[in-house]
Amino acid sequence: MSDPLPQLEYCCHDGQLTREPVPVDEVHSSSGVGTRVFACPEHAPLYGPQAGQRVGAEHVG
């Protein structure tokens, strides 16, 4: 079995794709379906202590 592909997300700070997304926020909606907001490891510290740990290859969202 091969290794899972890394998760790709856009950094909310500069819009660049990152293979090491860090969840920095969640956006809630009235429909009940929320969305995670990600930053790259370089920009995640700009979002303070609420920035989570790196996300693995699992799907979050």
N, C-alpha and C. Protein backbone atom coordinates (compact mmCIF):
# COMPACT_ATOMS: atom_id res chain seq x y z
N MET A 1 0.85 -1.18 0.00
CA MET A 1 0.00 0.00 0.00
C MET A 1 0.89 1.24 0.00
N SER A 2 0.59 2.20 -0.82
CA SER A 2 1.40 3.41 -0.90
C SER A 2 0.99 4.41 0.17
N ASP A 3 1.90 5.34 0.44
CA ASP A 3 1.62 6.39 1.41
C ASP A 3 0.52 7.29 0.88
N PRO A 4 -0.35 7.80 1.78
CA PRO A 4 -1.40 8.72 1.32
C PRO A 4 -0.78 10.02 0.82
N LEU A 5 -1.44 10.65 -0.12
CA LEU A 5 -0.98 11.93 -0.63
C LEU A 5 -1.13 13.00 0.43
N PRO A 6 -0.20 13.94 0.49
CA PRO A 6 -0.34 15.02 1.47
C PRO A 6 -1.53 15.89 1.14
N GLN A 7 -2.12 16.44 2.16
CA GLN A 7 -3.27 17.33 1.98
C GLN A 7 -2.79 18.65 1.41
N LEU A 8 -3.47 19.15 0.41
CA LEU A 8 -3.17 20.46 -0.17
C LEU A 8 -4.27 21.43 0.23
N GLU A 9 -3.89 22.58 0.71
CA GLU A 9 -4.83 23.64 1.05
C GLU A 9 -4.20 24.96 0.66
N TYR A 10 -5.03 25.98 0.52
CA TYR A 10 -4.54 27.31 0.25
C TYR A 10 -4.26 28.03 1.56
N CYS A 11 -3.16 28.75 1.61
CA CYS A 11 -2.83 29.58 2.77
C CYS A 11 -3.74 30.81 2.72
N CYS A 12 -4.43 31.09 3.81
CA CYS A 12 -5.35 32.24 3.84
C CYS A 12 -4.60 33.57 3.83
N HIS A 13 -3.32 33.55 4.11
CA HIS A 13 -2.54 34.79 4.16
C HIS A 13 -2.09 35.25 2.78
N ASP A 14 -1.54 34.31 1.99
CA ASP A 14 -1.01 34.70 0.69
C ASP A 14 -1.62 33.95 -0.50
N GLY A 15 -2.54 33.02 -0.22
CA GLY A 15 -3.24 32.33 -1.30
C GLY A 15 -2.44 31.26 -2.00
N GLN A 16 -1.25 30.93 -1.49
CA GLN A 16 -0.42 29.91 -2.12
C GLN A 16 -0.79 28.53 -1.59
N LEU A 17 -0.68 27.52 -2.45
CA LEU A 17 -0.92 26.15 -2.00
C LEU A 17 0.17 25.71 -1.04
N THR A 18 -0.21 24.95 -0.02
CA THR A 18 0.76 24.40 0.92
C THR A 18 0.47 22.92 1.12
N ARG A 19 1.53 22.14 1.24
CA ARG A 19 1.40 20.71 1.53
C ARG A 19 1.44 20.46 3.04
N GLU A 20 1.62 21.51 3.83
CA GLU A 20 1.67 21.40 5.29
C GLU A 20 0.68 22.38 5.91
N PRO A 21 -0.61 22.23 5.62
CA PRO A 21 -1.59 23.20 6.13
C PRO A 21 -1.74 23.14 7.65
N VAL A 22 -1.88 24.32 8.22
CA VAL A 22 -2.10 24.47 9.66
C VAL A 22 -3.47 25.12 9.83
N PRO A 23 -4.42 24.46 10.51
CA PRO A 23 -5.73 25.10 10.71
C PRO A 23 -5.59 26.30 11.65
N VAL A 24 -6.11 27.44 11.21
CA VAL A 24 -5.99 28.66 12.01
C VAL A 24 -7.34 29.24 12.43
N ASP A 25 -8.42 28.77 11.82
CA ASP A 25 -9.74 29.29 12.16
C ASP A 25 -10.80 28.37 11.58
N GLU A 26 -12.03 28.57 12.00
CA GLU A 26 -13.18 27.88 11.44
C GLU A 26 -14.23 28.92 11.10
N VAL A 27 -14.87 28.74 9.95
CA VAL A 27 -15.95 29.63 9.53
C VAL A 27 -17.24 28.85 9.66
N HIS A 28 -18.16 29.36 10.45
CA HIS A 28 -19.45 28.69 10.67
C HIS A 28 -20.51 29.33 9.78
N SER A 29 -21.49 28.54 9.42
CA SER A 29 -22.58 29.07 8.61
C SER A 29 -23.91 28.66 9.21
N SER A 30 -24.96 29.30 8.78
CA SER A 30 -26.29 29.00 9.31
C SER A 30 -26.77 27.62 8.88
N SER A 31 -26.17 27.04 7.84
CA SER A 31 -26.57 25.71 7.40
C SER A 31 -25.99 24.62 8.30
N GLY A 32 -25.07 25.00 9.17
CA GLY A 32 -24.48 24.04 10.09
C GLY A 32 -23.21 23.40 9.57
N VAL A 33 -22.88 23.64 8.31
CA VAL A 33 -21.67 23.07 7.73
C VAL A 33 -20.57 24.12 7.86
N GLY A 34 -19.54 23.81 8.62
CA GLY A 34 -18.45 24.74 8.82
C GLY A 34 -17.29 24.43 7.88
N THR A 35 -16.37 25.36 7.79
CA THR A 35 -15.20 25.21 6.95
C THR A 35 -13.98 25.62 7.74
N ARG A 36 -12.92 24.84 7.63
CA ARG A 36 -11.66 25.21 8.27
C ARG A 36 -10.89 26.15 7.37
N VAL A 37 -10.17 27.06 8.00
CA VAL A 37 -9.31 28.00 7.31
C VAL A 37 -7.87 27.61 7.64
N PHE A 38 -7.02 27.57 6.62
CA PHE A 38 -5.66 27.09 6.79
C PHE A 38 -4.65 28.17 6.44
N ALA A 39 -3.47 28.03 7.01
CA ALA A 39 -2.31 28.85 6.65
C ALA A 39 -1.13 27.90 6.47
N CYS A 40 -0.11 28.38 5.81
CA CYS A 40 1.12 27.59 5.69
C CYS A 40 1.88 27.70 7.02
N PRO A 41 2.83 26.81 7.27
CA PRO A 41 3.58 26.87 8.53
C PRO A 41 4.28 28.21 8.76
N GLU A 42 4.70 28.87 7.69
CA GLU A 42 5.38 30.16 7.81
C GLU A 42 4.44 31.26 8.31
N HIS A 43 3.19 31.24 7.86
CA HIS A 43 2.25 32.31 8.23
C HIS A 43 1.33 31.96 9.40
N ALA A 44 1.26 30.71 9.80
CA ALA A 44 0.37 30.31 10.89
C ALA A 44 0.61 31.09 12.19
N PRO A 45 1.87 31.39 12.56
CA PRO A 45 2.07 32.15 13.81
C PRO A 45 1.44 33.54 13.79
N LEU A 46 1.15 34.08 12.63
CA LEU A 46 0.50 35.38 12.54
C LEU A 46 -0.92 35.35 13.09
N TYR A 47 -1.49 34.14 13.20
CA TYR A 47 -2.88 33.99 13.63
C TYR A 47 -2.98 33.63 15.10
N GLY A 48 -1.88 33.71 15.82
CA GLY A 48 -1.88 33.58 17.27
C GLY A 48 -2.01 32.16 17.78
N PRO A 49 -2.28 32.05 19.07
CA PRO A 49 -2.31 30.74 19.73
C PRO A 49 -3.47 29.85 19.29
N GLN A 50 -4.48 30.40 18.61
CA GLN A 50 -5.59 29.55 18.16
C GLN A 50 -5.18 28.68 16.98
N ALA A 51 -4.03 28.96 16.36
CA ALA A 51 -3.56 28.15 15.25
C ALA A 51 -3.28 26.74 15.76
N GLY A 52 -3.87 25.76 15.10
CA GLY A 52 -3.76 24.38 15.54
C GLY A 52 -2.48 23.71 15.08
N GLN A 53 -2.42 22.42 15.29
CA GLN A 53 -1.28 21.63 14.86
C GLN A 53 -1.42 21.31 13.39
N ARG A 54 -0.34 20.90 12.77
CA ARG A 54 -0.38 20.52 11.36
C ARG A 54 -1.36 19.38 11.16
N VAL A 55 -2.02 19.43 10.04
CA VAL A 55 -3.01 18.41 9.69
C VAL A 55 -2.33 17.37 8.84
N GLY A 56 -2.61 16.10 9.10
CA GLY A 56 -2.03 15.04 8.29
C GLY A 56 -2.76 14.89 6.99
N ALA A 57 -2.66 13.74 6.38
CA ALA A 57 -3.25 13.51 5.07
C ALA A 57 -4.75 13.24 5.15
N GLU A 58 -5.31 13.15 6.35
CA GLU A 58 -6.75 12.88 6.47
C GLU A 58 -7.56 14.06 5.97
N HIS A 59 -8.75 13.80 5.55
CA HIS A 59 -9.63 14.85 5.04
C HIS A 59 -10.29 15.54 6.22
N VAL A 60 -10.22 16.86 6.22
CA VAL A 60 -10.92 17.65 7.23
C VAL A 60 -11.73 18.71 6.51
N GLY A 61 -12.96 18.67 6.68
CA GLY A 61 -13.65 19.75 6.04
C GLY A 61 -15.02 19.46 5.67
